[in-house]
Amino acid sequence: MRFFNTEGPNRQENHYTLPPLSRWDLGEILALIDQKKYFLLHAPRQTGKTTCLLALAEHLNREGRCRAVYANLEVAQAYRAQLDKGMTAVVEQVSRGARDQLGDAGAADLGREIILSSSGGTAVGEFLARWSAQSLQPLVLLLDEVDALIGDTLLSLLRQLRAGYPQRPTAFPQTIILCGVRDLRDYRIHASSEREAITGGSAFNIKAKSLRLGDFSAAETRTLLLEHTRETGQVFTPEALAAQVWELTRGQPWLVNALAYRACFELHEGRDRRQPITLALIDQAKEAMIVERVTHLDQLAHKLQEPRVRRVIEPILAGTALGEVPTDDRDYLVDLGLLRRDGAGGLVVANPIYREVLPRMLASGPQDSLPQISPTWLNADGSLNPQSLLTAFLAFWRRHGQPLLGSVAYHEIAPHLVLMAFLHRVVNGGGTLEREYAIGMGRMDLCLRYGAVTLGLELKVWRDREADPLVDGLEQLDGYLAGLGLDTGWLVIFDRRSNQPPIAERTACQTATSPQGRAIAVIRA
């Protein structure tokens, strides 16, 4: 039985899959190859790049106009500044690929000879030149995970490819396709000793084009899910099929497959093929993935520690403008798949799952640092008491807010993350905490759902040289609560101005009436 795949390249006989070459403009790629171009293919991790590259190599070899070899260069990453070993690893991967994919034992023998006789700085160029000269047909080389190489190994590889470029196709590959997460313009190449930055373009200015593999469209997402229905007879409800998977993932291939696999193959109700896959099952699968920090989402969390990622993500979470964030940093997050440019050209988090994961991951540090808190916010029957929750939060913030703020790496949104850590302790598997935020929104909105209780919160920050955000906050909270169908809510104003009294002294709560007549608990923290 086939299944939704989340590990490694897709195989038609084992996995539900879309036709790999339909995800790129195959005509454009074949035209570039016919024109003997060198070019790039890039996309975020776990979007199907390797599956598409392997399918392209198979297509080219089946056509018979050239000989195509796929090679993954990630193994060379371990050698970092050890140039000889790094280039040896590249030669080994390409020559073995020729042997295994084309049956070219001569290429493997040549690779061993080059490794024994050549210096590391020229090994790749020498191998490709001699291999191309011996080949009866033009060679096309598909190099995957190129941006896994760093320092002198990446610089040397690019320069050797550039040096051999004029000899194509008789004494160098007709086409070389470099594939990775980032566009070549964003490769950060440094000399291993002086740490002198060298731009990718200076080392590889023969690039003809840079193509990007996109996420699944809504139609492609639906087509993939229906593979399961055709295979097993198990249907998706119209809501789950038409909207929920696509809306949660925005077509990110790994997320689509992971959600569907968990709903159809791991959750007990989903394994019963007589039962449909419902919207509730998809939501349950989503929540389980986030809580368990599955590999893909854990890698995402790791990226949040990079300074250039923080420079963009922190103002987005805070709802402030990006300011002077460099273009390269913004493009880097788009290349990583963390952000996307919406129809109006603005940057937004790529999909609702990532939008949920980013603050939750950042709040995990404060959450782990929380002291033991008695759940005084619960009634005797286990239901949530909003007034008791408010009392408990004020006591918690006065006592623990100040020290917990220091446990957060993202200082601009430290109060938001500590509050979210507290609320995660409140829901603790019995409810959910939803978030809304965006560039320039000036706030973060939270929706806590626990049993029959829904609580809407708006978080604002009062900074130096700014007016009290109370008036704007009440007006904005009106709109948020109206969307939730609520008559009451919390407005939390974090006072981050200089020279303020300690948190324990300035934390207070009062009731205010919003412009639309709602009773709002205004918490000044």
Protein backbone atom coordinates (compact mmCIF):
# COMPACT_ATOMS: atom_id res chain seq x y z
CA MET A 1 0.00 0.00 0.00
CA ARG A 2 1.28 3.47 -0.87
CA PHE A 3 1.32 6.31 1.63
CA PHE A 4 2.08 10.02 2.05
CA ASN A 5 5.86 10.47 2.16
CA THR A 6 7.79 12.79 4.47
CA GLU A 7 11.25 11.18 4.31
CA GLY A 8 13.50 11.43 1.27
CA PRO A 9 12.61 11.40 -2.44
CA ASN A 10 9.24 10.13 -3.60
CA ARG A 11 8.98 6.79 -5.37
CA GLN A 12 5.89 6.25 -7.48
CA GLU A 13 5.54 2.62 -6.41
CA ASN A 14 5.65 3.48 -2.69
CA HIS A 15 4.28 6.99 -2.29
CA TYR A 16 1.36 9.15 -3.31
CA THR A 17 2.99 11.66 -5.59
CA LEU A 18 2.36 14.34 -8.17
CA PRO A 19 4.17 14.03 -11.52
CA PRO A 20 7.52 15.59 -10.48
CA LEU A 21 8.30 17.31 -13.76
CA SER A 22 4.91 19.03 -13.79
CA ARG A 23 6.08 21.20 -10.88
CA TRP A 24 8.69 22.99 -13.02
CA ASP A 25 8.45 24.47 -16.49
CA LEU A 26 10.05 21.48 -18.22
CA GLY A 27 10.09 23.25 -21.58
CA GLU A 28 12.13 26.10 -20.13
CA ILE A 29 14.58 23.70 -18.47
CA LEU A 30 15.06 21.66 -21.65
CA ALA A 31 15.60 24.87 -23.63
CA LEU A 32 18.33 25.96 -21.20
CA ILE A 33 20.00 22.58 -21.56
CA ASP A 34 19.79 22.72 -25.37
CA GLN A 35 21.42 26.17 -25.18
CA LYS A 36 24.26 24.71 -23.08
CA LYS A 37 23.41 26.95 -20.12
CA TYR A 38 24.50 26.61 -16.51
CA PHE A 39 21.69 27.52 -14.12
CA LEU A 40 20.23 27.17 -10.63
CA LEU A 41 17.19 25.47 -9.18
CA HIS A 42 16.35 26.36 -5.60
CA ALA A 43 13.55 25.86 -3.09
CA PRO A 44 13.09 25.50 0.67
CA ARG A 45 13.97 22.21 2.33
CA GLN A 46 11.59 19.28 1.95
CA THR A 47 9.66 20.68 -0.97
CA GLY A 48 10.54 17.94 -3.48
CA LYS A 49 13.75 19.24 -5.08
CA THR A 50 15.53 15.88 -5.05
CA THR A 51 12.47 14.06 -6.38
CA CYS A 52 12.27 16.55 -9.27
CA LEU A 53 16.01 16.37 -10.01
CA LEU A 54 15.99 12.58 -10.14
CA ALA A 55 12.97 12.67 -12.44
CA LEU A 56 14.72 15.19 -14.69
CA ALA A 57 17.85 13.03 -14.92
CA GLU A 58 15.72 10.00 -15.79
CA HIS A 59 13.84 11.99 -18.44
CA LEU A 60 17.06 13.23 -20.06
CA ASN A 61 18.62 9.77 -20.12
CA ARG A 62 15.45 8.25 -21.54
CA GLU A 63 15.42 10.86 -24.33
CA GLY A 64 18.98 9.87 -25.19
CA ARG A 65 20.28 13.26 -26.38
CA CYS A 66 22.68 13.53 -23.45
CA ARG A 67 23.90 11.61 -20.42
CA ALA A 68 22.63 13.03 -17.13
CA VAL A 69 23.98 12.30 -13.65
CA TYR A 70 22.55 13.36 -10.30
CA ALA A 71 24.91 13.83 -7.33
CA ASN A 72 24.21 14.97 -3.77
CA LEU A 73 27.12 17.01 -2.38
CA GLU A 74 25.96 17.25 1.23
CA VAL A 75 28.55 14.68 2.27
CA ALA A 76 31.29 17.25 1.52
CA GLN A 77 29.91 19.67 4.09
CA ALA A 78 31.65 17.83 6.92
CA TYR A 79 35.08 18.85 5.57
CA ARG A 80 34.39 22.60 5.78
CA ALA A 81 37.78 24.30 5.27
CA GLN A 82 39.59 21.05 4.38
CA LEU A 83 39.68 21.77 0.66
CA ASP A 84 41.38 18.57 -0.53
CA LYS A 85 38.96 16.30 1.31
CA GLY A 86 35.96 18.37 0.26
CA MET A 87 36.83 18.24 -3.45
CA THR A 88 37.64 14.53 -3.16
CA ALA A 89 34.15 13.95 -1.78
CA VAL A 90 32.61 15.84 -4.73
CA VAL A 91 34.56 13.76 -7.26
CA GLU A 92 33.54 10.57 -5.46
CA GLN A 93 29.85 11.49 -5.48
CA VAL A 94 29.80 12.40 -9.18
CA SER A 95 31.85 9.42 -10.36
CA ARG A 96 29.80 6.97 -8.32
CA GLY A 97 26.63 8.58 -9.65
CA ALA A 98 27.88 7.96 -13.20
CA ARG A 99 28.61 4.33 -12.35
CA ASP A 100 25.28 3.67 -10.60
CA GLN A 101 22.97 5.68 -12.87
CA LEU A 102 24.62 5.22 -16.27
CA GLY A 103 26.56 2.00 -15.75
CA ASP A 104 29.70 4.00 -16.50
CA ALA A 105 32.41 2.02 -14.69
CA GLY A 106 35.05 4.05 -16.52
CA ALA A 107 33.90 7.22 -14.76
CA ALA A 108 34.35 5.54 -11.37
CA ASP A 109 37.85 4.38 -12.35
CA LEU A 110 38.69 7.87 -13.59
CA GLY A 111 37.44 9.36 -10.34
CA ARG A 112 39.75 7.15 -8.31
CA GLU A 113 42.68 8.03 -10.56
CA ILE A 114 42.04 11.76 -10.26
CA ILE A 115 41.74 11.53 -6.48
CA LEU A 116 45.12 9.81 -6.25
CA SER A 117 46.97 12.04 -8.70
CA SER A 118 45.46 15.55 -8.47
CA SER A 119 45.52 18.31 -5.90
CA GLY A 120 42.25 19.04 -4.16
CA GLY A 121 42.04 22.52 -5.62
CA THR A 122 41.70 21.22 -9.18
CA ALA A 123 40.32 17.68 -8.73
CA VAL A 124 36.74 18.44 -9.73
CA GLY A 125 37.71 20.44 -12.82
CA GLU A 126 40.19 17.78 -13.98
CA PHE A 127 37.71 14.97 -13.49
CA LEU A 128 34.89 16.73 -15.35
CA ALA A 129 37.19 17.73 -18.21
CA ARG A 130 38.57 14.23 -18.78
CA TRP A 131 35.20 12.52 -18.24
CA SER A 132 33.51 14.85 -20.76
CA ALA A 133 36.28 14.29 -23.33
CA GLN A 134 35.80 10.51 -23.07
CA SER A 135 32.00 10.63 -23.32
CA LEU A 136 30.35 9.94 -26.67
CA GLN A 137 27.44 12.22 -25.73
CA PRO A 138 27.24 15.59 -23.97
CA LEU A 139 27.05 15.41 -20.18
CA VAL A 140 24.49 17.11 -17.96
CA LEU A 141 25.34 17.28 -14.27
CA LEU A 142 22.71 17.87 -11.56
CA LEU A 143 24.43 18.85 -8.31
CA ASP A 144 22.12 18.80 -5.29
CA GLU A 145 22.69 20.45 -1.87
CA VAL A 146 25.39 22.73 -3.28
CA ASP A 147 24.75 25.34 -0.62
CA ALA A 148 25.58 22.76 2.06
CA LEU A 149 29.21 23.47 1.19
CA ILE A 150 30.81 26.35 3.05
CA GLY A 151 34.01 28.36 2.99
CA ASP A 152 36.81 27.39 0.65
CA THR A 153 35.10 24.18 -0.51
CA LEU A 154 32.18 26.10 -2.02
CA LEU A 155 34.43 28.80 -3.44
CA SER A 156 36.76 26.25 -5.04
CA LEU A 157 33.92 24.24 -6.58
CA LEU A 158 32.30 27.31 -8.14
CA ARG A 159 35.58 28.57 -9.55
CA GLN A 160 36.48 25.19 -11.04
CA LEU A 161 33.10 25.03 -12.75
CA ARG A 162 33.57 28.55 -14.08
CA ALA A 163 37.07 27.73 -15.33
CA GLY A 164 35.83 24.73 -17.33
CA TYR A 165 32.77 26.49 -18.72
CA PRO A 166 34.40 27.68 -22.01
CA GLN A 167 35.32 24.05 -22.89
CA ARG A 168 31.75 22.75 -22.85
CA PRO A 169 30.37 20.50 -24.28
CA THR A 170 33.31 18.50 -25.67
CA ALA A 171 35.70 18.93 -22.75
CA PHE A 172 33.34 19.90 -19.94
CA PRO A 173 29.66 19.17 -19.13
CA GLN A 174 27.26 20.82 -21.55
CA THR A 175 25.02 21.90 -18.66
CA ILE A 176 25.49 21.98 -14.91
CA ILE A 177 22.47 22.56 -12.69
CA LEU A 178 23.19 23.67 -9.14
CA CYS A 179 20.41 22.98 -6.67
CA GLY A 180 19.96 24.09 -3.07
CA VAL A 181 17.80 25.95 -0.61
CA ARG A 182 19.13 29.39 -1.45
CA ASP A 183 19.65 31.31 -4.61
CA LEU A 184 23.35 31.63 -5.45
CA ARG A 185 23.24 35.38 -4.85
CA ASP A 186 22.68 34.56 -1.20
CA TYR A 187 25.52 32.07 -0.67
CA ARG A 188 27.69 33.37 2.13
CA ILE A 189 31.25 32.46 1.08
CA HIS A 190 34.08 33.31 3.43
CA ALA A 191 37.81 32.73 3.17
CA SER A 192 38.61 30.31 5.99
CA SER A 193 41.31 32.45 7.58
CA GLU A 194 40.52 36.17 7.29
CA ARG A 195 36.70 35.66 7.20
CA GLU A 196 36.67 37.99 4.21
CA ALA A 197 33.27 37.85 2.53
CA ILE A 198 33.30 36.88 -1.14
CA THR A 199 30.09 37.22 -3.11
CA GLY A 200 28.67 34.23 -4.96
CA GLY A 201 28.49 36.18 -8.23
CA SER A 202 32.24 36.76 -8.36
CA ALA A 203 32.82 33.03 -8.22
CA PHE A 204 30.03 31.94 -10.56
CA ASN A 205 29.10 34.74 -12.94
CA ILE A 206 28.23 32.21 -15.67
CA LYS A 207 24.79 31.55 -14.19
CA ALA A 208 22.16 31.97 -16.90
CA LYS A 209 19.07 31.81 -14.71
CA SER A 210 17.77 31.00 -11.24
CA LEU A 211 14.56 28.98 -11.11
CA ARG A 212 12.50 28.35 -7.96
CA LEU A 213 10.41 25.29 -7.18
CA GLY A 214 7.12 26.48 -5.72
CA ASP A 215 4.72 24.97 -3.21
CA PHE A 216 1.69 22.93 -4.25
CA SER A 217 -1.25 24.87 -5.60
CA ALA A 218 -4.70 24.29 -4.10
CA ALA A 219 -5.52 22.05 -7.07
CA GLU A 220 -2.30 20.05 -6.66
CA THR A 221 -2.97 19.62 -2.94
CA ARG A 222 -6.42 18.26 -3.74
CA THR A 223 -5.01 15.94 -6.41
CA LEU A 224 -2.46 14.48 -3.98
CA LEU A 225 -5.08 13.84 -1.30
CA LEU A 226 -7.36 12.13 -3.81
CA GLU A 227 -4.54 9.65 -4.53
CA HIS A 228 -5.31 8.21 -1.09
CA THR A 229 -9.03 8.02 -1.82
CA ARG A 230 -8.40 6.19 -5.11
CA GLU A 231 -6.00 3.78 -3.39
CA THR A 232 -8.04 2.99 -0.27
CA GLY A 233 -11.59 4.23 -0.84
CA GLN A 234 -11.33 6.46 2.24
CA VAL A 235 -12.78 9.88 1.50
CA PHE A 236 -12.01 13.35 2.83
CA THR A 237 -14.99 15.44 3.86
CA PRO A 238 -15.58 18.41 1.54
CA GLU A 239 -14.32 20.84 4.21
CA ALA A 240 -11.11 18.89 4.81
CA LEU A 241 -10.46 18.30 1.12
CA ALA A 242 -11.42 21.67 -0.30
CA ALA A 243 -10.03 23.97 2.33
CA GLN A 244 -8.46 22.79 5.54
CA VAL A 245 -5.25 21.07 4.38
CA TRP A 246 -4.55 23.82 1.85
CA GLU A 247 -5.40 26.64 4.25
CA LEU A 248 -3.20 25.29 7.04
CA THR A 249 -0.20 24.54 4.82
CA ARG A 250 -0.58 26.91 1.84
CA GLY A 251 0.69 23.94 -0.16
CA GLN A 252 4.07 23.49 1.59
CA PRO A 253 4.78 19.93 0.33
CA TRP A 254 6.19 18.43 3.53
CA LEU A 255 3.37 19.87 5.64
CA VAL A 256 0.71 18.60 3.20
CA ASN A 257 2.14 15.09 3.31
CA ALA A 258 2.74 15.13 7.07
CA LEU A 259 -0.77 16.31 7.91
CA ALA A 260 -2.35 13.76 5.59
CA TYR A 261 -0.11 10.91 6.77
CA ARG A 262 -0.86 11.57 10.43
CA ALA A 263 -4.60 11.90 9.83
CA CYS A 264 -4.84 8.82 7.59
CA PHE A 265 -2.20 6.46 9.01
CA GLU A 266 -1.50 7.40 12.65
CA LEU A 267 -4.64 8.73 14.31
CA HIS A 268 -6.88 5.86 15.44
CA GLU A 269 -10.04 7.17 13.82
CA GLY A 270 -8.23 7.89 10.58
CA ARG A 271 -6.91 4.33 10.26
CA ASP A 272 -10.48 3.07 9.92
CA ARG A 273 -10.92 3.30 6.15
CA ARG A 274 -14.69 3.27 6.58
CA GLN A 275 -14.51 6.64 8.34
CA PRO A 276 -13.94 9.87 6.41
CA ILE A 277 -11.01 12.19 7.11
CA THR A 278 -12.69 15.18 8.69
CA LEU A 279 -11.71 18.76 9.40
CA ALA A 280 -11.43 17.83 13.10
CA LEU A 281 -8.97 15.03 12.29
CA ILE A 282 -6.79 17.40 10.26
CA ASP A 283 -6.80 19.90 13.13
CA GLN A 284 -5.91 17.13 15.57
CA ALA A 285 -3.03 16.06 13.34
CA LYS A 286 -1.80 19.66 13.09
CA GLU A 287 -1.80 20.17 16.84
CA ALA A 288 0.02 16.86 17.47
CA MET A 289 2.73 17.77 14.95
CA ILE A 290 3.34 21.11 16.64
CA VAL A 291 3.37 19.71 20.17
CA GLU A 292 5.77 16.91 19.21
CA ARG A 293 8.08 19.31 17.35
CA VAL A 294 8.42 16.93 14.42
CA THR A 295 11.74 17.13 12.56
CA HIS A 296 10.69 19.67 9.95
CA LEU A 297 9.28 22.05 12.57
CA ASP A 298 12.27 21.52 14.86
CA GLN A 299 14.60 22.57 12.02
CA LEU A 300 12.42 25.64 11.63
CA ALA A 301 12.87 26.46 15.32
CA HIS A 302 16.63 26.14 14.96
CA LYS A 303 16.61 28.78 12.21
CA LEU A 304 14.99 31.24 14.61
CA GLN A 305 18.29 31.52 16.48
CA GLU A 306 20.13 32.95 13.46
CA PRO A 307 20.66 36.73 13.81
CA ARG A 308 19.52 37.47 10.26
CA VAL A 309 16.32 35.49 10.84
CA ARG A 310 15.70 37.25 14.14
CA ARG A 311 16.09 40.68 12.51
CA VAL A 312 13.04 39.94 10.36
CA ILE A 313 10.90 37.68 12.54
CA GLU A 314 11.06 39.79 15.71
CA PRO A 315 9.37 42.91 14.23
CA ILE A 316 6.80 40.72 12.47
CA LEU A 317 5.82 39.13 15.78
CA ALA A 318 5.84 42.53 17.49
CA GLY A 319 3.64 43.98 14.73
CA THR A 320 6.14 46.76 13.98
CA ALA A 321 7.69 47.87 10.68
CA LEU A 322 10.80 46.09 9.41
CA GLY A 323 12.74 49.34 9.21
CA GLU A 324 16.28 49.02 7.85
CA VAL A 325 16.36 45.22 7.56
CA PRO A 326 18.65 44.45 4.56
CA THR A 327 17.08 43.11 1.39
CA ASP A 328 19.36 40.06 1.55
CA ASP A 329 17.94 39.13 4.95
CA ARG A 330 14.37 39.42 3.72
CA ASP A 331 15.10 37.39 0.61
CA TYR A 332 16.91 34.79 2.73
CA LEU A 333 13.73 34.11 4.73
CA VAL A 334 11.71 33.82 1.54
CA ASP A 335 14.26 31.36 0.14
CA LEU A 336 14.06 29.34 3.36
CA GLY A 337 10.28 29.19 2.97
CA LEU A 338 9.64 30.88 6.32
CA LEU A 339 8.01 33.90 4.69
CA ARG A 340 6.27 34.62 1.42
CA ARG A 341 5.30 37.78 -0.39
CA ASP A 342 1.55 38.15 -0.53
CA GLY A 343 -0.39 39.52 -3.48
CA ALA A 344 0.15 43.09 -2.32
CA GLY A 345 3.90 42.59 -2.11
CA GLY A 346 4.18 42.52 1.69
CA LEU A 347 6.00 39.86 3.69
CA VAL A 348 3.85 37.41 5.64
CA VAL A 349 4.57 34.13 7.42
CA ALA A 350 4.39 31.41 4.79
CA ASN A 351 1.43 29.46 6.21
CA PRO A 352 -0.80 29.21 9.31
CA ILE A 353 1.17 26.28 10.76
CA TYR A 354 4.42 28.25 10.65
CA ARG A 355 2.53 31.26 12.03
CA GLU A 356 1.53 29.10 14.99
CA VAL A 357 4.94 27.47 15.38
CA LEU A 358 7.13 30.60 15.42
CA PRO A 359 5.85 32.19 18.66
CA ARG A 360 5.20 28.81 20.27
CA MET A 361 8.79 27.72 19.70
CA LEU A 362 10.12 31.02 20.99
CA ALA A 363 7.92 30.73 24.08
CA SER A 364 9.25 27.26 24.88
CA GLY A 365 12.21 28.68 26.85
CA PRO A 366 10.06 30.74 29.23
CA GLN A 367 7.58 27.85 29.39
CA ASP A 368 10.31 25.49 30.58
CA SER A 369 11.37 28.13 33.11
CA LEU A 370 7.91 28.54 34.64
CA PRO A 371 7.57 27.73 38.33
CA GLN A 372 4.95 25.32 39.57
CA ILE A 373 1.59 27.08 39.32
CA SER A 374 -1.56 25.77 40.93
CA PRO A 375 -4.48 25.83 38.44
CA THR A 376 -6.61 28.20 40.52
CA TRP A 377 -8.34 29.31 37.31
CA LEU A 378 -10.38 26.10 37.14
CA ASN A 379 -13.81 25.64 38.69
CA ALA A 380 -14.65 22.52 40.68
CA ASP A 381 -16.07 20.89 37.54
CA GLY A 382 -12.86 21.53 35.59
CA SER A 383 -14.21 24.43 33.52
CA LEU A 384 -12.25 27.66 33.06
CA ASN A 385 -13.12 30.66 35.24
CA PRO A 386 -11.99 33.82 33.35
CA GLN A 387 -12.01 36.04 36.45
CA SER A 388 -9.90 33.56 38.40
CA LEU A 389 -7.56 33.34 35.44
CA LEU A 390 -7.13 37.11 35.47
CA THR A 391 -6.34 37.08 39.18
CA ALA A 392 -3.85 34.23 38.72
CA PHE A 393 -2.09 35.99 35.85
CA LEU A 394 -1.70 39.25 37.77
CA ALA A 395 -0.19 37.38 40.72
CA PHE A 396 2.09 35.40 38.39
CA TRP A 397 3.26 38.50 36.51
CA ARG A 398 4.02 40.49 39.66
CA ARG A 399 6.07 37.67 41.13
CA HIS A 400 7.74 36.04 38.12
CA GLY A 401 7.50 38.45 35.18
CA GLN A 402 10.76 40.30 35.70
CA PRO A 403 13.09 37.26 35.98
CA LEU A 404 11.33 35.38 33.16
CA LEU A 405 11.83 38.24 30.72
CA GLY A 406 15.56 37.52 30.88
CA SER A 407 15.02 33.96 29.61
CA VAL A 408 13.90 35.17 26.17
CA ALA A 409 16.30 35.74 23.26
CA TYR A 410 13.84 37.95 21.35
CA HIS A 411 13.93 40.92 23.74
CA GLU A 412 11.46 43.10 21.82
CA ILE A 413 8.67 40.56 22.32
CA ALA A 414 9.85 39.05 25.61
CA PRO A 415 6.63 40.03 27.46
CA HIS A 416 4.47 38.49 24.73
CA LEU A 417 6.39 35.22 24.95
CA VAL A 418 6.24 35.02 28.74
CA LEU A 419 2.48 35.65 28.68
CA MET A 420 2.07 32.96 26.02
CA ALA A 421 4.14 30.55 28.12
CA PHE A 422 1.76 31.17 31.02
CA LEU A 423 -1.31 30.63 28.82
CA HIS A 424 0.14 27.42 27.41
CA ARG A 425 0.36 26.19 30.99
CA VAL A 426 -3.31 27.12 31.35
CA VAL A 427 -4.53 25.25 28.28
CA ASN A 428 -2.14 22.32 28.90
CA GLY A 429 -3.74 19.94 26.44
CA GLY A 430 -7.29 20.91 27.42
CA GLY A 431 -7.63 23.85 25.08
CA THR A 432 -5.92 25.84 22.35
CA LEU A 433 -4.15 29.18 22.01
CA GLU A 434 -4.40 30.90 18.61
CA ARG A 435 -2.38 33.93 17.50
CA GLU A 436 -2.72 36.69 14.93
CA TYR A 437 0.10 39.11 14.06
CA ALA A 438 1.60 40.84 11.04
CA ILE A 439 4.03 43.56 9.99
CA GLY A 440 2.78 47.00 10.93
CA MET A 441 -0.29 45.71 12.78
CA GLY A 442 1.04 47.25 16.01
CA ARG A 443 -0.23 44.42 18.17
CA MET A 444 -0.55 40.68 18.66
CA ASP A 445 -3.98 39.10 19.16
CA LEU A 446 -4.51 35.89 21.12
CA CYS A 447 -7.56 33.66 21.34
CA LEU A 448 -7.69 31.16 24.20
CA ARG A 449 -10.28 28.40 23.88
CA TYR A 450 -10.92 26.07 26.81
CA GLY A 451 -14.08 24.03 26.82
CA ALA A 452 -17.05 26.38 26.47
CA VAL A 453 -14.93 29.46 27.24
CA THR A 454 -13.37 31.66 24.55
CA LEU A 455 -11.16 34.55 25.68
CA GLY A 456 -9.84 37.23 23.32
CA LEU A 457 -6.70 39.18 24.23
CA GLU A 458 -4.82 41.98 22.56
CA LEU A 459 -1.19 42.68 23.42
CA LYS A 460 0.26 46.17 22.97
CA VAL A 461 3.65 47.66 23.89
CA TRP A 462 4.20 51.18 25.24
CA ARG A 463 7.68 52.34 24.21
CA ASP A 464 9.68 55.50 24.79
CA ARG A 465 8.50 58.59 22.86
CA GLU A 466 5.14 56.95 22.11
CA ALA A 467 1.65 57.85 23.32
CA ASP A 468 -0.29 55.61 25.67
CA PRO A 469 -1.67 52.83 23.39
CA LEU A 470 -4.89 52.51 25.41
CA VAL A 471 -7.21 54.32 22.97
CA ASP A 472 -5.89 52.51 19.87
CA GLY A 473 -5.88 49.23 21.75
CA LEU A 474 -9.53 49.45 22.77
CA GLU A 475 -10.58 50.30 19.21
CA GLN A 476 -8.49 47.50 17.69
CA LEU A 477 -9.69 44.99 20.29
CA ASP A 478 -13.29 45.83 19.39
CA GLY A 479 -12.66 44.59 15.86
CA TYR A 480 -10.94 41.42 17.04
CA LEU A 481 -13.66 40.55 19.56
CA ALA A 482 -16.38 41.24 16.99
CA GLY A 483 -14.78 38.62 14.75
CA LEU A 484 -14.82 36.14 17.64
CA GLY A 485 -18.40 37.04 18.62
CA LEU A 486 -17.35 38.12 22.13
CA ASP A 487 -18.58 40.93 24.37
CA THR A 488 -15.56 41.06 26.70
CA GLY A 489 -11.80 40.64 26.47
CA TRP A 490 -8.36 41.61 27.80
CA LEU A 491 -6.17 44.46 26.64
CA VAL A 492 -2.63 43.84 27.93
CA ILE A 493 -0.31 46.86 27.72
CA PHE A 494 3.35 46.05 28.36
CA ASP A 495 5.11 49.20 29.55
CA ARG A 496 8.64 49.04 28.11
CA ARG A 497 9.51 52.69 28.67
CA SER A 498 12.75 53.55 30.43
CA ASN A 499 12.93 54.31 34.15
CA GLN A 500 9.65 52.66 35.07
CA PRO A 501 8.99 51.15 38.52
CA PRO A 502 9.58 47.39 38.91
CA ILE A 503 6.99 45.10 37.33
CA ALA A 504 5.70 44.05 40.75
CA GLU A 505 4.83 47.67 41.55
CA ARG A 506 3.41 48.85 38.23
CA THR A 507 1.29 45.82 37.31
CA ALA A 508 -2.38 46.69 37.73
CA CYS A 509 -5.79 46.04 36.18
CA GLN A 510 -8.80 48.25 35.60
CA THR A 511 -12.01 47.96 33.61
CA ALA A 512 -12.61 50.15 30.57
CA THR A 513 -15.42 50.41 28.04
CA SER A 514 -14.49 50.04 24.38
CA PRO A 515 -15.90 52.36 21.67
CA GLN A 516 -18.49 49.69 20.85
CA GLY A 517 -19.52 49.27 24.49
CA ARG A 518 -17.59 46.14 25.44
CA ALA A 519 -16.30 45.66 28.97
CA ILE A 520 -12.53 45.30 28.68
CA ALA A 521 -10.06 44.29 31.39
CA VAL A 522 -7.09 46.62 30.82
CA ILE A 523 -3.93 45.08 32.26
CA ARG A 524 -0.90 47.33 32.58
CA ALA A 525 2.11 45.09 33.01
